[in-house]
């Protein structure tokens, strides 16, 4: 065997060893965009709903700044809101301004698969006119990095529209 052949084998072995080491380092390093598992996503959302029910948080804290929230159907608030602030400004703040006792969720079921979490829940509170508000909701979240980046919401539009038209928001 010549020196040239020995050097080629030595270089080839070192290159292979280097590629293996680099691959292992990539696998071990945490990725900024590392995907959460379905169970991790579900746990994040469940914790948020528990905080909402306890009055110490809100599921809207999970929204990414560029999250898209779509309210399906034909309610006064139906449509797609491009970004967290648009949704909070146009729907959530005016809704909360119509309530003296904000709604609290009672989760019926929550399920997760891959980057999706689906929550079926009932919620009730008291409107500024003293009348109760109750509704059932189904929210479909798509998660990235522990944040909601896309949401689709379904609820009883008749109950929502009754509150929306009956009670003026407090400025």
C-alpha atoms as a PDB file:
ATOM      1  CA  UNK A   1       0.000   0.000   0.000  1.00  0.00           C
ATOM      2  CA  UNK A   2       1.355   3.413  -0.940  1.00  0.00           C
ATOM      3  CA  UNK A   3       1.436   6.477   1.271  1.00  0.00           C
ATOM      4  CA  UNK A   4      -1.171   8.070  -0.992  1.00  0.00           C
ATOM      5  CA  UNK A   5      -3.616   5.150  -0.442  1.00  0.00           C
ATOM      6  CA  UNK A   6      -3.030   5.244   3.326  1.00  0.00           C
ATOM      7  CA  UNK A   7      -3.715   9.002   3.369  1.00  0.00           C
ATOM      8  CA  UNK A   8      -6.921   8.551   1.361  1.00  0.00           C
ATOM      9  CA  UNK A   9      -8.195   5.852   3.766  1.00  0.00           C
ATOM     10  CA  UNK A  10      -7.198   7.953   6.733  1.00  0.00           C
ATOM     11  CA  UNK A  11      -8.919  11.025   5.277  1.00  0.00           C
ATOM     12  CA  UNK A  12     -12.031   9.017   4.368  1.00  0.00           C
ATOM     13  CA  UNK A  13     -12.286   7.594   7.879  1.00  0.00           C
ATOM     14  CA  UNK A  14     -11.791  11.003   9.456  1.00  0.00           C
ATOM     15  CA  UNK A  15     -14.389  12.554   7.147  1.00  0.00           C
ATOM     16  CA  UNK A  16     -16.903   9.843   7.984  1.00  0.00           C
ATOM     17  CA  UNK A  17     -16.200  10.222  11.694  1.00  0.00           C
ATOM     18  CA  UNK A  18     -16.624  13.998  11.356  1.00  0.00           C
ATOM     19  CA  UNK A  19     -19.962  13.642   9.570  1.00  0.00           C
ATOM     20  CA  UNK A  20     -21.246  11.217  12.208  1.00  0.00           C
ATOM     21  CA  UNK A  21     -20.137  13.562  15.001  1.00  0.00           C
ATOM     22  CA  UNK A  22     -21.781  16.546  13.291  1.00  0.00           C
ATOM     23  CA  UNK A  23     -25.008  14.590  12.812  1.00  0.00           C
ATOM     24  CA  UNK A  24     -25.077  13.564  16.458  1.00  0.00           C
ATOM     25  CA  UNK A  25     -24.456  17.149  17.524  1.00  0.00           C
ATOM     26  CA  UNK A  26     -27.388  18.324  15.406  1.00  0.00           C
ATOM     27  CA  UNK A  27     -29.664  15.702  16.918  1.00  0.00           C
ATOM     28  CA  UNK A  28     -28.633  16.620  20.452  1.00  0.00           C
ATOM     29  CA  UNK A  29     -28.886  20.399  20.009  1.00  0.00           C
ATOM     30  CA  UNK A  30     -32.264  21.949  20.849  1.00  0.00           C
ATOM     31  CA  UNK A  31     -33.875  23.542  17.834  1.00  0.00           C
ATOM     32  CA  UNK A  32     -35.569  26.928  18.098  1.00  0.00           C
ATOM     33  CA  UNK A  33     -38.324  25.595  15.875  1.00  0.00           C
ATOM     34  CA  UNK A  34     -38.507  22.193  17.537  1.00  0.00           C
ATOM     35  CA  UNK A  35     -41.996  20.824  17.172  1.00  0.00           C
ATOM     36  CA  UNK A  36     -43.962  20.090  20.301  1.00  0.00           C
ATOM     37  CA  UNK A  37     -45.530  16.667  20.577  1.00  0.00           C
ATOM     38  CA  UNK A  38     -49.304  16.359  20.530  1.00  0.00           C
ATOM     39  CA  UNK A  39     -49.285  15.674  24.282  1.00  0.00           C
ATOM     40  CA  UNK A  40     -47.103  18.726  24.952  1.00  0.00           C
ATOM     41  CA  UNK A  41     -49.434  20.909  22.890  1.00  0.00           C
ATOM     42  CA  UNK A  42     -52.442  19.534  24.736  1.00  0.00           C
ATOM     43  CA  UNK A  43     -50.788  20.145  28.115  1.00  0.00           C
ATOM     44  CA  UNK A  44     -49.976  23.764  27.162  1.00  0.00           C
ATOM     45  CA  UNK A  45     -53.578  24.436  26.138  1.00  0.00           C
ATOM     46  CA  UNK A  46     -55.013  22.593  29.166  1.00  0.00           C
ATOM     47  CA  UNK A  47     -52.847  24.676  31.494  1.00  0.00           C
ATOM     48  CA  UNK A  48     -54.045  27.848  29.773  1.00  0.00           C
ATOM     49  CA  UNK A  49     -57.704  26.842  30.144  1.00  0.00           C
ATOM     50  CA  UNK A  50     -57.156  25.993  33.817  1.00  0.00           C
ATOM     51  CA  UNK A  51     -55.657  29.462  34.368  1.00  0.00           C
ATOM     52  CA  UNK A  52     -58.603  31.034  32.528  1.00  0.00           C
ATOM     53  CA  UNK A  53     -61.083  29.143  34.713  1.00  0.00           C
ATOM     54  CA  UNK A  54     -59.162  30.207  37.846  1.00  0.00           C
ATOM     55  CA  UNK A  55     -59.127  33.836  36.696  1.00  0.00           C
ATOM     56  CA  UNK A  56     -55.334  33.945  36.486  1.00  0.00           C
ATOM     57  CA  UNK A  57     -54.823  33.777  32.732  1.00  0.00           C
ATOM     58  CA  UNK A  58     -56.339  33.656  29.296  1.00  0.00           C
ATOM     59  CA  UNK A  59     -56.108  31.265  26.361  1.00  0.00           C
ATOM     60  CA  UNK A  60     -55.405  34.316  24.218  1.00  0.00           C
ATOM     61  CA  UNK A  61     -52.010  34.585  25.923  1.00  0.00           C
ATOM     62  CA  UNK A  62     -51.063  31.566  23.773  1.00  0.00           C
ATOM     63  CA  UNK A  63     -51.624  33.440  20.519  1.00  0.00           C
ATOM     64  CA  UNK A  64     -48.574  34.182  18.423  1.00  0.00           C
ATOM     65  CA  UNK A  65     -48.462  37.832  17.362  1.00  0.00           C
ATOM     66  CA  UNK A  66     -49.180  36.832  13.750  1.00  0.00           C
ATOM     67  CA  UNK A  67     -51.841  34.240  14.640  1.00  0.00           C
ATOM     68  CA  UNK A  68     -54.875  34.014  12.390  1.00  0.00           C
ATOM     69  CA  UNK A  69     -58.220  33.576  14.198  1.00  0.00           C
ATOM     70  CA  UNK A  70     -61.274  32.658  12.135  1.00  0.00           C
ATOM     71  CA  UNK A  71     -64.801  32.686  13.547  1.00  0.00           C
ATOM     72  CA  UNK A  72     -66.872  30.421  11.343  1.00  0.00           C
ATOM     73  CA  UNK A  73     -70.542  30.893  10.583  1.00  0.00           C
ATOM     74  CA  UNK A  74     -72.714  33.985  10.363  1.00  0.00           C
ATOM     75  CA  UNK A  75     -72.361  35.748  13.703  1.00  0.00           C
ATOM     76  CA  UNK A  76     -71.744  39.478  14.018  1.00  0.00           C
ATOM     77  CA  UNK A  77     -68.079  38.637  14.651  1.00  0.00           C
ATOM     78  CA  UNK A  78     -67.613  36.024  11.926  1.00  0.00           C
ATOM     79  CA  UNK A  79     -64.559  36.485   9.785  1.00  0.00           C
ATOM     80  CA  UNK A  80     -60.807  36.066   9.825  1.00  0.00           C
ATOM     81  CA  UNK A  81     -58.670  38.270  12.049  1.00  0.00           C
ATOM     82  CA  UNK A  82     -55.083  38.585  10.795  1.00  0.00           C
ATOM     83  CA  UNK A  83     -53.007  38.811  13.941  1.00  0.00           C
ATOM     84  CA  UNK A  84     -53.461  38.660  17.692  1.00  0.00           C
ATOM     85  CA  UNK A  85     -54.048  42.401  18.149  1.00  0.00           C
ATOM     86  CA  UNK A  86     -56.776  42.573  15.469  1.00  0.00           C
ATOM     87  CA  UNK A  87     -58.653  39.711  17.100  1.00  0.00           C
ATOM     88  CA  UNK A  88     -58.317  41.118  20.632  1.00  0.00           C
ATOM     89  CA  UNK A  89     -59.284  44.647  19.481  1.00  0.00           C
ATOM     90  CA  UNK A  90     -62.264  43.673  17.325  1.00  0.00           C
ATOM     91  CA  UNK A  91     -63.732  40.730  19.250  1.00  0.00           C
ATOM     92  CA  UNK A  92     -62.345  39.939  22.693  1.00  0.00           C
ATOM     93  CA  UNK A  93     -62.116  43.418  24.239  1.00  0.00           C
ATOM     94  CA  UNK A  94     -65.595  44.467  22.991  1.00  0.00           C
ATOM     95  CA  UNK A  95     -66.994  41.131  24.205  1.00  0.00           C
ATOM     96  CA  UNK A  96     -65.442  41.515  27.664  1.00  0.00           C
ATOM     97  CA  UNK A  97     -66.670  45.133  27.812  1.00  0.00           C
ATOM     98  CA  UNK A  98     -70.228  43.780  27.605  1.00  0.00           C
ATOM     99  CA  UNK A  99     -69.750  41.553  30.677  1.00  0.00           C
ATOM    100  CA  UNK A 100     -69.813  42.270  34.416  1.00  0.00           C
ATOM    101  CA  UNK A 101     -68.695  38.727  35.171  1.00  0.00           C
ATOM    102  CA  UNK A 102     -66.483  37.323  32.433  1.00  0.00           C
ATOM    103  CA  UNK A 103     -67.100  33.896  31.030  1.00  0.00           C
ATOM    104  CA  UNK A 104     -65.346  30.909  32.567  1.00  0.00           C
ATOM    105  CA  UNK A 105     -64.789  27.698  30.612  1.00  0.00           C
ATOM    106  CA  UNK A 106     -65.951  24.209  31.514  1.00  0.00           C
ATOM    107  CA  UNK A 107     -63.990  21.915  29.201  1.00  0.00           C
ATOM    108  CA  UNK A 108     -65.998  18.932  28.001  1.00  0.00           C
ATOM    109  CA  UNK A 109     -63.187  17.376  26.007  1.00  0.00           C
ATOM    110  CA  UNK A 110     -59.786  18.228  24.617  1.00  0.00           C
ATOM    111  CA  UNK A 111     -57.868  16.196  22.097  1.00  0.00           C
ATOM    112  CA  UNK A 112     -54.587  16.592  20.267  1.00  0.00           C
ATOM    113  CA  UNK A 113     -52.934  15.111  17.229  1.00  0.00           C
ATOM    114  CA  UNK A 114     -49.602  16.291  15.826  1.00  0.00           C
ATOM    115  CA  UNK A 115     -49.718  20.112  15.851  1.00  0.00           C
ATOM    116  CA  UNK A 116     -53.513  20.323  16.358  1.00  0.00           C
ATOM    117  CA  UNK A 117     -55.489  20.742  19.586  1.00  0.00           C
ATOM    118  CA  UNK A 118     -59.300  20.710  19.632  1.00  0.00           C
ATOM    119  CA  UNK A 119     -61.207  22.005  22.644  1.00  0.00           C
ATOM    120  CA  UNK A 120     -64.957  21.558  23.166  1.00  0.00           C
ATOM    121  CA  UNK A 121     -66.189  23.630  26.092  1.00  0.00           C
ATOM    122  CA  UNK A 122     -69.095  25.501  27.587  1.00  0.00           C
ATOM    123  CA  UNK A 123     -68.710  28.963  29.049  1.00  0.00           C
ATOM    124  CA  UNK A 124     -70.966  31.206  31.088  1.00  0.00           C
ATOM    125  CA  UNK A 125     -70.860  34.660  32.626  1.00  0.00           C
ATOM    126  CA  UNK A 126     -73.084  37.658  33.326  1.00  0.00           C
ATOM    127  CA  UNK A 127     -73.699  40.510  30.905  1.00  0.00           C
ATOM    128  CA  UNK A 128     -73.760  44.171  31.953  1.00  0.00           C
ATOM    129  CA  UNK A 129     -77.563  44.129  31.781  1.00  0.00           C
ATOM    130  CA  UNK A 130     -77.609  41.456  34.508  1.00  0.00           C
ATOM    131  CA  UNK A 131     -78.678  38.640  32.201  1.00  0.00           C
ATOM    132  CA  UNK A 132     -76.674  35.444  31.961  1.00  0.00           C
ATOM    133  CA  UNK A 133     -74.634  34.636  28.896  1.00  0.00           C
ATOM    134  CA  UNK A 134     -73.949  30.985  28.117  1.00  0.00           C
ATOM    135  CA  UNK A 135     -72.542  29.398  25.000  1.00  0.00           C
ATOM    136  CA  UNK A 136     -70.818  26.260  23.775  1.00  0.00           C
ATOM    137  CA  UNK A 137     -67.608  26.526  21.797  1.00  0.00           C
ATOM    138  CA  UNK A 138     -65.383  24.333  19.647  1.00  0.00           C
ATOM    139  CA  UNK A 139     -61.917  25.733  19.022  1.00  0.00           C
ATOM    140  CA  UNK A 140     -59.434  24.167  16.636  1.00  0.00           C
ATOM    141  CA  UNK A 141     -55.833  25.282  17.232  1.00  0.00           C
ATOM    142  CA  UNK A 142     -52.745  24.742  15.122  1.00  0.00           C
ATOM    143  CA  UNK A 143     -49.657  25.087  17.288  1.00  0.00           C
ATOM    144  CA  UNK A 144     -46.023  25.966  16.561  1.00  0.00           C
ATOM    145  CA  UNK A 145     -43.418  26.163  19.292  1.00  0.00           C
ATOM    146  CA  UNK A 146     -46.028  26.146  22.048  1.00  0.00           C
ATOM    147  CA  UNK A 147     -48.014  29.031  20.509  1.00  0.00           C
ATOM    148  CA  UNK A 148     -51.324  29.134  18.630  1.00  0.00           C
ATOM    149  CA  UNK A 149     -50.640  30.241  15.058  1.00  0.00           C
ATOM    150  CA  UNK A 150     -54.047  29.424  13.599  1.00  0.00           C
ATOM    151  CA  UNK A 151     -57.453  29.082  15.236  1.00  0.00           C
ATOM    152  CA  UNK A 152     -60.898  28.241  13.942  1.00  0.00           C
ATOM    153  CA  UNK A 153     -63.819  28.847  16.300  1.00  0.00           C
ATOM    154  CA  UNK A 154     -67.401  27.613  16.219  1.00  0.00           C
ATOM    155  CA  UNK A 155     -70.152  28.667  18.644  1.00  0.00           C
ATOM    156  CA  UNK A 156     -73.886  29.378  18.893  1.00  0.00           C
ATOM    157  CA  UNK A 157     -74.185  32.561  16.819  1.00  0.00           C
ATOM    158  CA  UNK A 158     -77.711  33.287  18.071  1.00  0.00           C
ATOM    159  CA  UNK A 159     -76.575  33.497  21.719  1.00  0.00           C
ATOM    160  CA  UNK A 160     -73.506  35.532  20.752  1.00  0.00           C
ATOM    161  CA  UNK A 161     -75.414  37.946  18.495  1.00  0.00           C
ATOM    162  CA  UNK A 162     -78.081  38.459  21.161  1.00  0.00           C
ATOM    163  CA  UNK A 163     -75.417  39.640  23.630  1.00  0.00           C
ATOM    164  CA  UNK A 164     -73.561  41.662  20.954  1.00  0.00           C
ATOM    165  CA  UNK A 165     -76.682  43.615  19.908  1.00  0.00           C
ATOM    166  CA  UNK A 166     -78.404  43.824  23.322  1.00  0.00           C
ATOM    167  CA  UNK A 167     -75.502  45.097  25.442  1.00  0.00           C
ATOM    168  CA  UNK A 168     -73.349  48.074  24.516  1.00  0.00           C
ATOM    169  CA  UNK A 169     -69.682  47.757  25.483  1.00  0.00           C
ATOM    170  CA  UNK A 170     -68.350  49.986  28.251  1.00  0.00           C
ATOM    171  CA  UNK A 171     -65.781  52.345  26.806  1.00  0.00           C
END
